[in-house]
């Protein structure tokens, strides 16, 4: 019987790769601010980093260069927590549908 895979393991294994190759969001903390980095879609020139508990985001390049001093912009309906919850729900559905072995 194959080993059971869980959501946390999928996220850990995804985080093992370099940021430009990750397909799932991940958390980073700098200067007392935590963001959730949203992976880059094929058409985007940069990733976005959403503040964990606020509806604000910045460019990932700005975040990596300036940390907590990056320029954040308001986002009407998305926080880092919501980005992470949506990704975890998607993985849970895929596991339930047997898409992960």
PDB file of N, CA and C in Angstrom:
ATOM      1  N   UNK A   1       0.844  -1.173   0.000  1.00  0.00           N
ATOM      2  CA  UNK A   1       0.000   0.000   0.000  1.00  0.00           C
ATOM      3  C   UNK A   1       0.895   1.244   0.000  1.00  0.00           C
ATOM      4  N   UNK A   2       0.625   2.206  -0.904  1.00  0.00           N
ATOM      5  CA  UNK A   2       1.468   3.403  -0.962  1.00  0.00           C
ATOM      6  C   UNK A   2       1.326   4.270   0.285  1.00  0.00           C
ATOM      7  N   UNK A   3       2.394   5.005   0.566  1.00  0.00           N
ATOM      8  CA  UNK A   3       2.364   5.911   1.716  1.00  0.00           C
ATOM      9  C   UNK A   3       1.318   7.006   1.478  1.00  0.00           C
ATOM     10  N   UNK A   4       0.666   7.392   2.550  1.00  0.00           N
ATOM     11  CA  UNK A   4      -0.351   8.447   2.466  1.00  0.00           C
ATOM     12  C   UNK A   4       0.333   9.799   2.310  1.00  0.00           C
ATOM     13  N   UNK A   5      -0.105  10.572   1.362  1.00  0.00           N
ATOM     14  CA  UNK A   5       0.455  11.917   1.170  1.00  0.00           C
ATOM     15  C   UNK A   5      -0.505  12.921   1.809  1.00  0.00           C
ATOM     16  N   UNK A   6       0.050  13.944   2.415  1.00  0.00           N
ATOM     17  CA  UNK A   6      -0.819  14.949   3.029  1.00  0.00           C
ATOM     18  C   UNK A   6      -0.470  16.333   2.495  1.00  0.00           C
ATOM     19  N   UNK A   7      -1.324  17.271   2.765  1.00  0.00           N
ATOM     20  CA  UNK A   7      -1.183  18.625   2.250  1.00  0.00           C
ATOM     21  C   UNK A   7       0.136  19.253   2.691  1.00  0.00           C
ATOM     22  N   UNK A   8       0.484  19.102   3.958  1.00  0.00           N
ATOM     23  CA  UNK A   8       1.725  19.713   4.454  1.00  0.00           C
ATOM     24  C   UNK A   8       2.946  19.168   3.733  1.00  0.00           C
ATOM     25  N   UNK A   9       2.958  17.874   3.444  1.00  0.00           N
ATOM     26  CA  UNK A   9       4.082  17.274   2.723  1.00  0.00           C
ATOM     27  C   UNK A   9       4.181  17.855   1.308  1.00  0.00           C
ATOM     28  N   UNK A  10       3.057  18.023   0.646  1.00  0.00           N
ATOM     29  CA  UNK A  10       3.046  18.595  -0.705  1.00  0.00           C
ATOM     30  C   UNK A  10       3.632  19.999  -0.673  1.00  0.00           C
ATOM     31  N   UNK A  11       3.224  20.813   0.309  1.00  0.00           N
ATOM     32  CA  UNK A  11       3.757  22.166   0.420  1.00  0.00           C
ATOM     33  C   UNK A  11       5.251  22.160   0.739  1.00  0.00           C
ATOM     34  N   UNK A  12       5.699  21.256   1.626  1.00  0.00           N
ATOM     35  CA  UNK A  12       7.134  21.161   1.955  1.00  0.00           C
ATOM     36  C   UNK A  12       7.955  20.803   0.721  1.00  0.00           C
ATOM     37  N   UNK A  13       7.490  19.810  -0.025  1.00  0.00           N
ATOM     38  CA  UNK A  13       8.228  19.376  -1.207  1.00  0.00           C
ATOM     39  C   UNK A  13       8.252  20.471  -2.270  1.00  0.00           C
ATOM     40  N   UNK A  14       7.164  21.205  -2.415  1.00  0.00           N
ATOM     41  CA  UNK A  14       7.126  22.299  -3.378  1.00  0.00           C
ATOM     42  C   UNK A  14       8.118  23.397  -2.980  1.00  0.00           C
ATOM     43  N   UNK A  15       8.227  23.659  -1.696  1.00  0.00           N
ATOM     44  CA  UNK A  15       9.114  24.721  -1.210  1.00  0.00           C
ATOM     45  C   UNK A  15      10.586  24.346  -1.359  1.00  0.00           C
ATOM     46  N   UNK A  16      10.896  23.083  -1.563  1.00  0.00           N
ATOM     47  CA  UNK A  16      12.286  22.650  -1.712  1.00  0.00           C
ATOM     48  C   UNK A  16      12.925  23.202  -2.991  1.00  0.00           C
ATOM     49  N   UNK A  17      12.103  23.546  -3.966  1.00  0.00           N
ATOM     50  CA  UNK A  17      12.636  24.098  -5.216  1.00  0.00           C
ATOM     51  C   UNK A  17      12.878  25.596  -5.100  1.00  0.00           C
ATOM     52  N   UNK A  18      13.583  26.170  -6.071  1.00  0.00           N
ATOM     53  CA  UNK A  18      13.807  27.620  -6.054  1.00  0.00           C
ATOM     54  C   UNK A  18      12.491  28.366  -6.265  1.00  0.00           C
ATOM     55  N   UNK A  19      12.370  29.597  -5.753  1.00  0.00           N
ATOM     56  CA  UNK A  19      11.119  30.349  -5.866  1.00  0.00           C
ATOM     57  C   UNK A  19      10.555  30.429  -7.278  1.00  0.00           C
ATOM     58  N   UNK A  20      11.395  30.582  -8.276  1.00  0.00           N
ATOM     59  CA  UNK A  20      10.899  30.722  -9.649  1.00  0.00           C
ATOM     60  C   UNK A  20      10.259  29.449 -10.192  1.00  0.00           C
ATOM     61  N   UNK A  21      10.498  28.314  -9.540  1.00  0.00           N
ATOM     62  CA  UNK A  21       9.951  27.039 -10.010  1.00  0.00           C
ATOM     63  C   UNK A  21       8.820  26.514  -9.133  1.00  0.00           C
ATOM     64  N   UNK A  22       8.470  27.206  -8.079  1.00  0.00           N
ATOM     65  CA  UNK A  22       7.407  26.740  -7.182  1.00  0.00           C
ATOM     66  C   UNK A  22       6.047  26.960  -7.819  1.00  0.00           C
ATOM     67  N   UNK A  23       5.135  26.047  -7.520  1.00  0.00           N
ATOM     68  CA  UNK A  23       3.786  26.133  -8.077  1.00  0.00           C
ATOM     69  C   UNK A  23       2.728  26.403  -7.021  1.00  0.00           C
ATOM     70  N   UNK A  24       3.124  26.405  -5.756  1.00  0.00           N
ATOM     71  CA  UNK A  24       2.198  26.652  -4.654  1.00  0.00           C
ATOM     72  C   UNK A  24       2.687  27.857  -3.844  1.00  0.00           C
ATOM     73  N   UNK A  25       1.771  28.576  -3.192  1.00  0.00           N
ATOM     74  CA  UNK A  25       2.193  29.723  -2.386  1.00  0.00           C
ATOM     75  C   UNK A  25       3.010  29.293  -1.176  1.00  0.00           C
ATOM     76  N   UNK A  26       3.812  30.237  -0.646  1.00  0.00           N
ATOM     77  CA  UNK A  26       4.609  29.981   0.544  1.00  0.00           C
ATOM     78  C   UNK A  26       4.723  31.265   1.350  1.00  0.00           C
ATOM     79  N   UNK A  27       5.018  31.104   2.638  1.00  0.00           N
ATOM     80  CA  UNK A  27       5.164  32.247   3.535  1.00  0.00           C
ATOM     81  C   UNK A  27       6.625  32.658   3.659  1.00  0.00           C
ATOM     82  N   UNK A  28       6.840  33.956   3.778  1.00  0.00           N
ATOM     83  CA  UNK A  28       8.151  34.527   4.092  1.00  0.00           C
ATOM     84  C   UNK A  28       7.931  35.641   5.110  1.00  0.00           C
ATOM     85  N   UNK A  29       8.875  35.791   6.036  1.00  0.00           N
ATOM     86  CA  UNK A  29       8.796  36.863   7.036  1.00  0.00           C
ATOM     87  C   UNK A  29      10.091  37.651   7.018  1.00  0.00           C
ATOM     88  N   UNK A  30       9.942  38.978   6.981  1.00  0.00           N
ATOM     89  CA  UNK A  30      11.081  39.893   7.068  1.00  0.00           C
ATOM     90  C   UNK A  30      10.632  41.135   7.803  1.00  0.00           C
ATOM     91  N   UNK A  31      11.500  41.662   8.610  1.00  0.00           N
ATOM     92  CA  UNK A  31      11.230  42.916   9.316  1.00  0.00           C
ATOM     93  C   UNK A  31       9.903  42.887  10.064  1.00  0.00           C
ATOM     94  N   UNK A  32       9.538  41.724  10.582  1.00  0.00           N
ATOM     95  CA  UNK A  32       8.304  41.596  11.350  1.00  0.00           C
ATOM     96  C   UNK A  32       7.038  41.520  10.508  1.00  0.00           C
ATOM     97  N   UNK A  33       7.160  41.464   9.198  1.00  0.00           N
ATOM     98  CA  UNK A  33       5.997  41.371   8.306  1.00  0.00           C
ATOM     99  C   UNK A  33       6.024  40.005   7.631  1.00  0.00           C
ATOM    100  N   UNK A  34       4.885  39.329   7.642  1.00  0.00           N
ATOM    101  CA  UNK A  34       4.774  38.039   6.967  1.00  0.00           C
ATOM    102  C   UNK A  34       3.920  38.211   5.723  1.00  0.00           C
ATOM    103  N   UNK A  35       4.414  37.650   4.627  1.00  0.00           N
ATOM    104  CA  UNK A  35       3.675  37.666   3.374  1.00  0.00           C
ATOM    105  C   UNK A  35       3.495  36.237   2.884  1.00  0.00           C
ATOM    106  N   UNK A  36       2.533  36.068   2.016  1.00  0.00           N
ATOM    107  CA  UNK A  36       2.359  34.819   1.291  1.00  0.00           C
ATOM    108  C   UNK A  36       2.681  35.141  -0.156  1.00  0.00           C
ATOM    109  N   UNK A  37       3.662  34.443  -0.703  1.00  0.00           N
ATOM    110  CA  UNK A  37       4.085  34.683  -2.079  1.00  0.00           C
ATOM    111  C   UNK A  37       3.250  33.797  -2.988  1.00  0.00           C
ATOM    112  N   UNK A  38       2.637  34.444  -3.966  1.00  0.00           N
ATOM    113  CA  UNK A  38       1.814  33.731  -4.939  1.00  0.00           C
ATOM    114  C   UNK A  38       2.699  33.367  -6.125  1.00  0.00           C
ATOM    115  N   UNK A  39       2.750  32.079  -6.515  1.00  0.00           N
ATOM    116  CA  UNK A  39       3.598  31.692  -7.645  1.00  0.00           C
ATOM    117  C   UNK A  39       3.227  32.466  -8.909  1.00  0.00           C
ATOM    118  N   UNK A  40       4.186  32.615  -9.764  1.00  0.00           N
ATOM    119  CA  UNK A  40       4.005  33.399 -10.981  1.00  0.00           C
ATOM    120  C   UNK A  40       3.270  32.595 -12.049  1.00  0.00           C
ATOM    121  N   UNK A  41       2.158  33.132 -12.551  1.00  0.00           N
ATOM    122  CA  UNK A  41       1.524  32.481 -13.704  1.00  0.00           C
ATOM    123  C   UNK A  41       2.391  32.666 -14.952  1.00  0.00           C
ATOM    124  N   UNK A  42       2.158  31.873 -15.956  1.00  0.00           N
ATOM    125  CA  UNK A  42       3.006  31.884 -17.152  1.00  0.00           C
ATOM    126  C   UNK A  42       3.086  33.247 -17.829  1.00  0.00           C
ATOM    127  N   UNK A  43       2.077  34.072 -17.679  1.00  0.00           N
ATOM    128  CA  UNK A  43       2.037  35.363 -18.382  1.00  0.00           C
ATOM    129  C   UNK A  43       2.604  36.525 -17.566  1.00  0.00           C
ATOM    130  N   UNK A  44       2.879  36.314 -16.299  1.00  0.00           N
ATOM    131  CA  UNK A  44       3.302  37.418 -15.426  1.00  0.00           C
ATOM    132  C   UNK A  44       4.811  37.644 -15.496  1.00  0.00           C
ATOM    133  N   UNK A  45       5.221  38.900 -15.276  1.00  0.00           N
ATOM    134  CA  UNK A  45       6.652  39.198 -15.267  1.00  0.00           C
ATOM    135  C   UNK A  45       7.247  39.109 -13.869  1.00  0.00           C
ATOM    136  N   UNK A  46       6.416  39.029 -12.832  1.00  0.00           N
ATOM    137  CA  UNK A  46       6.899  38.920 -11.460  1.00  0.00           C
ATOM    138  C   UNK A  46       5.803  38.290 -10.595  1.00  0.00           C
ATOM    139  N   UNK A  47       6.215  37.725  -9.493  1.00  0.00           N
ATOM    140  CA  UNK A  47       5.261  37.175  -8.534  1.00  0.00           C
ATOM    141  C   UNK A  47       4.753  38.299  -7.643  1.00  0.00           C
ATOM    142  N   UNK A  48       3.687  38.003  -6.894  1.00  0.00           N
ATOM    143  CA  UNK A  48       3.164  38.968  -5.934  1.00  0.00           C
ATOM    144  C   UNK A  48       3.289  38.383  -4.534  1.00  0.00           C
ATOM    145  N   UNK A  49       3.518  39.257  -3.576  1.00  0.00           N
ATOM    146  CA  UNK A  49       3.600  38.873  -2.165  1.00  0.00           C
ATOM    147  C   UNK A  49       2.463  39.590  -1.440  1.00  0.00           C
ATOM    148  N   UNK A  50       1.514  38.816  -0.896  1.00  0.00           N
ATOM    149  CA  UNK A  50       0.370  39.371  -0.178  1.00  0.00           C
ATOM    150  C   UNK A  50       0.660  39.364   1.318  1.00  0.00           C
ATOM    151  N   UNK A  51       0.388  40.474   1.982  1.00  0.00           N
ATOM    152  CA  UNK A  51       0.526  40.499   3.443  1.00  0.00           C
ATOM    153  C   UNK A  51      -0.386  39.430   4.017  1.00  0.00           C
ATOM    154  N   UNK A  52       0.097  38.726   5.020  1.00  0.00           N
ATOM    155  CA  UNK A  52      -0.641  37.594   5.566  1.00  0.00           C
ATOM    156  C   UNK A  52      -2.016  37.996   6.070  1.00  0.00           C
ATOM    157  N   UNK A  53      -2.108  39.066   6.823  1.00  0.00           N
ATOM    158  CA  UNK A  53      -3.371  39.399   7.480  1.00  0.00           C
ATOM    159  C   UNK A  53      -3.966  40.722   7.006  1.00  0.00           C
ATOM    160  N   UNK A  54      -3.561  41.190   5.849  1.00  0.00           N
ATOM    161  CA  UNK A  54      -4.099  42.444   5.316  1.00  0.00           C
ATOM    162  C   UNK A  54      -4.316  42.276   3.818  1.00  0.00           C
ATOM    163  N   UNK A  55      -5.237  43.005   3.292  1.00  0.00           N
ATOM    164  CA  UNK A  55      -5.513  42.951   1.852  1.00  0.00           C
ATOM    165  C   UNK A  55      -4.595  43.934   1.119  1.00  0.00           C
ATOM    166  N   UNK A  56      -3.317  43.578   1.122  1.00  0.00           N
ATOM    167  CA  UNK A  56      -2.289  44.368   0.466  1.00  0.00           C
ATOM    168  C   UNK A  56      -1.281  43.427  -0.189  1.00  0.00           C
ATOM    169  N   UNK A  57      -0.668  43.923  -1.263  1.00  0.00           N
ATOM    170  CA  UNK A  57       0.352  43.120  -1.933  1.00  0.00           C
ATOM    171  C   UNK A  57       1.462  44.020  -2.451  1.00  0.00           C
ATOM    172  N   UNK A  58       2.588  43.396  -2.784  1.00  0.00           N
ATOM    173  CA  UNK A  58       3.689  44.097  -3.444  1.00  0.00           C
ATOM    174  C   UNK A  58       4.295  43.147  -4.463  1.00  0.00           C
ATOM    175  N   UNK A  59       5.162  43.673  -5.297  1.00  0.00           N
ATOM    176  CA  UNK A  59       5.894  42.838  -6.244  1.00  0.00           C
ATOM    177  C   UNK A  59       6.928  42.026  -5.466  1.00  0.00           C
ATOM    178  N   UNK A  60       7.106  40.776  -5.840  1.00  0.00           N
ATOM    179  CA  UNK A  60       8.052  39.919  -5.142  1.00  0.00           C
ATOM    180  C   UNK A  60       9.473  40.475  -5.252  1.00  0.00           C
ATOM    181  N   UNK A  61       9.831  41.038  -6.395  1.00  0.00           N
ATOM    182  CA  UNK A  61      11.174  41.621  -6.557  1.00  0.00           C
ATOM    183  C   UNK A  61      11.385  42.746  -5.542  1.00  0.00           C
ATOM    184  N   UNK A  62      10.354  43.555  -5.302  1.00  0.00           N
ATOM    185  CA  UNK A  62      10.442  44.631  -4.313  1.00  0.00           C
ATOM    186  C   UNK A  62      10.579  44.032  -2.913  1.00  0.00           C
ATOM    187  N   UNK A  63       9.838  42.981  -2.633  1.00  0.00           N
ATOM    188  CA  UNK A  63       9.897  42.300  -1.338  1.00  0.00           C
ATOM    189  C   UNK A  63      11.290  41.734  -1.093  1.00  0.00           C
ATOM    190  N   UNK A  64      11.859  41.044  -2.090  1.00  0.00           N
ATOM    191  CA  UNK A  64      13.181  40.446  -1.884  1.00  0.00           C
ATOM    192  C   UNK A  64      14.249  41.517  -1.720  1.00  0.00           C
ATOM    193  N   UNK A  65      14.085  42.648  -2.385  1.00  0.00           N
ATOM    194  CA  UNK A  65      15.071  43.723  -2.281  1.00  0.00           C
ATOM    195  C   UNK A  65      14.914  44.556  -1.013  1.00  0.00           C
ATOM    196  N   UNK A  66      13.673  44.786  -0.579  1.00  0.00           N
ATOM    197  CA  UNK A  66      13.425  45.752   0.496  1.00  0.00           C
ATOM    198  C   UNK A  66      12.719  45.201   1.723  1.00  0.00           C
ATOM    199  N   UNK A  67      12.321  43.950   1.710  1.00  0.00           N
ATOM    200  CA  UNK A  67      11.643  43.366   2.875  1.00  0.00           C
ATOM    201  C   UNK A  67      10.458  44.193   3.316  1.00  0.00           C
ATOM    202  N   UNK A  68      10.386  44.486   4.589  1.00  0.00           N
ATOM    203  CA  UNK A  68       9.268  45.230   5.157  1.00  0.00           C
ATOM    204  C   UNK A  68       9.135  46.654   4.655  1.00  0.00           C
ATOM    205  N   UNK A  69      10.133  47.131   3.932  1.00  0.00           N
ATOM    206  CA  UNK A  69      10.072  48.487   3.379  1.00  0.00           C
ATOM    207  C   UNK A  69       9.553  48.491   1.939  1.00  0.00           C
ATOM    208  N   UNK A  70       9.147  47.323   1.452  1.00  0.00           N
ATOM    209  CA  UNK A  70       8.580  47.246   0.103  1.00  0.00           C
ATOM    210  C   UNK A  70       7.302  48.072   0.034  1.00  0.00           C
ATOM    211  N   UNK A  71       6.952  48.518  -1.156  1.00  0.00           N
ATOM    212  CA  UNK A  71       5.734  49.306  -1.326  1.00  0.00           C
ATOM    213  C   UNK A  71       4.557  48.365  -1.531  1.00  0.00           C
ATOM    214  N   UNK A  72       3.618  48.411  -0.601  1.00  0.00           N
ATOM    215  CA  UNK A  72       2.421  47.578  -0.657  1.00  0.00           C
ATOM    216  C   UNK A  72       1.258  48.389  -1.218  1.00  0.00           C
ATOM    217  N   UNK A  73       0.428  47.713  -1.987  1.00  0.00           N
ATOM    218  CA  UNK A  73      -0.757  48.311  -2.587  1.00  0.00           C
ATOM    219  C   UNK A  73      -1.993  47.613  -2.043  1.00  0.00           C
ATOM    220  N   UNK A  74      -3.078  48.340  -1.898  1.00  0.00           N
ATOM    221  CA  UNK A  74      -4.322  47.733  -1.447  1.00  0.00           C
ATOM    222  C   UNK A  74      -4.859  46.759  -2.478  1.00  0.00           C
ATOM    223  N   UNK A  75      -5.476  45.700  -2.003  1.00  0.00           N
ATOM    224  CA  UNK A  75      -6.125  44.718  -2.886  1.00  0.00           C
ATOM    225  C   UNK A  75      -7.519  44.504  -2.342  1.00  0.00           C
ATOM    226  N   UNK A  76      -8.510  44.696  -3.146  1.00  0.00           N
ATOM    227  CA  UNK A  76      -9.883  44.739  -2.667  1.00  0.00           C
ATOM    228  C   UNK A  76     -10.355  43.444  -2.000  1.00  0.00           C
ATOM    229  N   UNK A  77      -9.868  42.301  -2.441  1.00  0.00           N
ATOM    230  CA  UNK A  77     -10.457  41.078  -1.893  1.00  0.00           C
ATOM    231  C   UNK A  77      -9.480  39.957  -1.569  1.00  0.00           C
ATOM    232  N   UNK A  78      -8.186  40.207  -1.524  1.00  0.00           N
ATOM    233  CA  UNK A  78      -7.253  39.109  -1.272  1.00  0.00           C
ATOM    234  C   UNK A  78      -6.185  39.491  -0.253  1.00  0.00           C
ATOM    235  N   UNK A  79      -6.024  38.612   0.733  1.00  0.00           N
ATOM    236  CA  UNK A  79      -4.915  38.701   1.684  1.00  0.00           C
ATOM    237  C   UNK A  79      -4.078  37.431   1.523  1.00  0.00           C
ATOM    238  N   UNK A  80      -2.922  37.417   2.113  1.00  0.00           N
ATOM    239  CA  UNK A  80      -2.076  36.231   2.050  1.00  0.00           C
ATOM    240  C   UNK A  80      -2.743  35.012   2.655  1.00  0.00           C
ATOM    241  N   UNK A  81      -3.470  35.219   3.737  1.00  0.00           N
ATOM    242  CA  UNK A  81      -4.183  34.114   4.371  1.00  0.00           C
ATOM    243  C   UNK A  81      -5.183  33.497   3.400  1.00  0.00           C
ATOM    244  N   UNK A  82      -5.881  34.330   2.644  1.00  0.00           N
ATOM    245  CA  UNK A  82      -6.860  33.825   1.676  1.00  0.00           C
ATOM    246  C   UNK A  82      -6.177  33.092   0.518  1.00  0.00           C
ATOM    247  N   UNK A  83      -5.031  33.585   0.070  1.00  0.00           N
ATOM    248  CA  UNK A  83      -4.270  32.898  -0.975  1.00  0.00           C
ATOM    249  C   UNK A  83      -3.896  31.499  -0.499  1.00  0.00           C
ATOM    250  N   UNK A  84      -3.393  31.406   0.727  1.00  0.00           N
ATOM    251  CA  UNK A  84      -2.971  30.115   1.275  1.00  0.00           C
ATOM    252  C   UNK A  84      -4.164  29.179   1.489  1.00  0.00           C
ATOM    253  N   UNK A  85      -5.268  29.703   2.000  1.00  0.00           N
ATOM    254  CA  UNK A  85      -6.452  28.854   2.228  1.00  0.00           C
ATOM    255  C   UNK A  85      -6.991  28.296   0.913  1.00  0.00           C
ATOM    256  N   UNK A  86      -7.014  29.105  -0.133  1.00  0.00           N
ATOM    257  CA  UNK A  86      -7.495  28.618  -1.439  1.00  0.00           C
ATOM    258  C   UNK A  86      -6.583  27.514  -1.977  1.00  0.00           C
ATOM    259  N   UNK A  87      -5.281  27.689  -1.841  1.00  0.00           N
ATOM    260  CA  UNK A  87      -4.337  26.675  -2.330  1.00  0.00           C
ATOM    261  C   UNK A  87      -4.488  25.372  -1.546  1.00  0.00           C
ATOM    262  N   UNK A  88      -4.637  25.470  -0.228  1.00  0.00           N
ATOM    263  CA  UNK A  88      -4.800  24.259   0.585  1.00  0.00           C
ATOM    264  C   UNK A  88      -6.109  23.547   0.243  1.00  0.00           C
ATOM    265  N   UNK A  89      -7.174  24.301   0.009  1.00  0.00           N
ATOM    266  CA  UNK A  89      -8.462  23.701  -0.365  1.00  0.00           C
ATOM    267  C   UNK A  89      -8.352  23.003  -1.726  1.00  0.00           C
ATOM    268  N   UNK A  90      -7.636  23.613  -2.663  1.00  0.00           N
ATOM    269  CA  UNK A  90      -7.443  23.011  -3.981  1.00  0.00           C
ATOM    270  C   UNK A  90      -6.704  21.679  -3.857  1.00  0.00           C
ATOM    271  N   UNK A  91      -5.623  21.664  -3.069  1.00  0.00           N
ATOM    272  CA  UNK A  91      -4.860  20.425  -2.878  1.00  0.00           C
ATOM    273  C   UNK A  91      -5.711  19.367  -2.191  1.00  0.00           C
ATOM    274  N   UNK A  92      -6.491  19.756  -1.187  1.00  0.00           N
ATOM    275  CA  UNK A  92      -7.362  18.796  -0.494  1.00  0.00           C
ATOM    276  C   UNK A  92      -8.354  18.160  -1.475  1.00  0.00           C
ATOM    277  N   UNK A  93      -8.935  18.970  -2.363  1.00  0.00           N
ATOM    278  CA  UNK A  93      -9.861  18.418  -3.373  1.00  0.00           C
ATOM    279  C   UNK A  93      -9.136  17.460  -4.301  1.00  0.00           C
ATOM    280  N   UNK A  94      -7.920  17.828  -4.710  1.00  0.00           N
ATOM    281  CA  UNK A  94      -7.166  16.961  -5.612  1.00  0.00           C
ATOM    282  C   UNK A  94      -6.788  15.646  -4.942  1.00  0.00           C
ATOM    283  N   UNK A  95      -6.433  15.691  -3.668  1.00  0.00           N
ATOM    284  CA  UNK A  95      -6.134  14.448  -2.931  1.00  0.00           C
ATOM    285  C   UNK A  95      -7.391  13.592  -2.854  1.00  0.00           C
ATOM    286  N   UNK A  96      -8.525  14.200  -2.514  1.00  0.00           N
ATOM    287  CA  UNK A  96      -9.787  13.462  -2.418  1.00  0.00           C
ATOM    288  C   UNK A  96     -10.176  12.847  -3.774  1.00  0.00           C
ATOM    289  N   UNK A  97      -9.827  13.517  -4.863  1.00  0.00           N
ATOM    290  CA  UNK A  97     -10.138  12.999  -6.204  1.00  0.00           C
ATOM    291  C   UNK A  97      -9.106  11.979  -6.690  1.00  0.00           C
ATOM    292  N   UNK A  98      -8.112  11.675  -5.866  1.00  0.00           N
ATOM    293  CA  UNK A  98      -7.109  10.677  -6.202  1.00  0.00           C
ATOM    294  C   UNK A  98      -6.029  11.162  -7.161  1.00  0.00           C
ATOM    295  N   UNK A  99      -5.860  12.450  -7.279  1.00  0.00           N
ATOM    296  CA  UNK A  99      -4.866  12.990  -8.208  1.00  0.00           C
ATOM    297  C   UNK A  99      -3.450  13.007  -7.638  1.00  0.00           C
ATOM    298  N   UNK A 100      -3.298  12.782  -6.340  1.00  0.00           N
ATOM    299  CA  UNK A 100      -1.998  12.700  -5.702  1.00  0.00           C
ATOM    300  C   UNK A 100      -1.828  11.279  -5.190  1.00  0.00           C
ATOM    301  N   UNK A 101      -0.659  10.701  -5.435  1.00  0.00           N
ATOM    302  CA  UNK A 101      -0.451   9.315  -5.037  1.00  0.00           C
ATOM    303  C   UNK A 101       0.516   9.114  -3.937  1.00  0.00           C
TER     304      UNK A 101
END
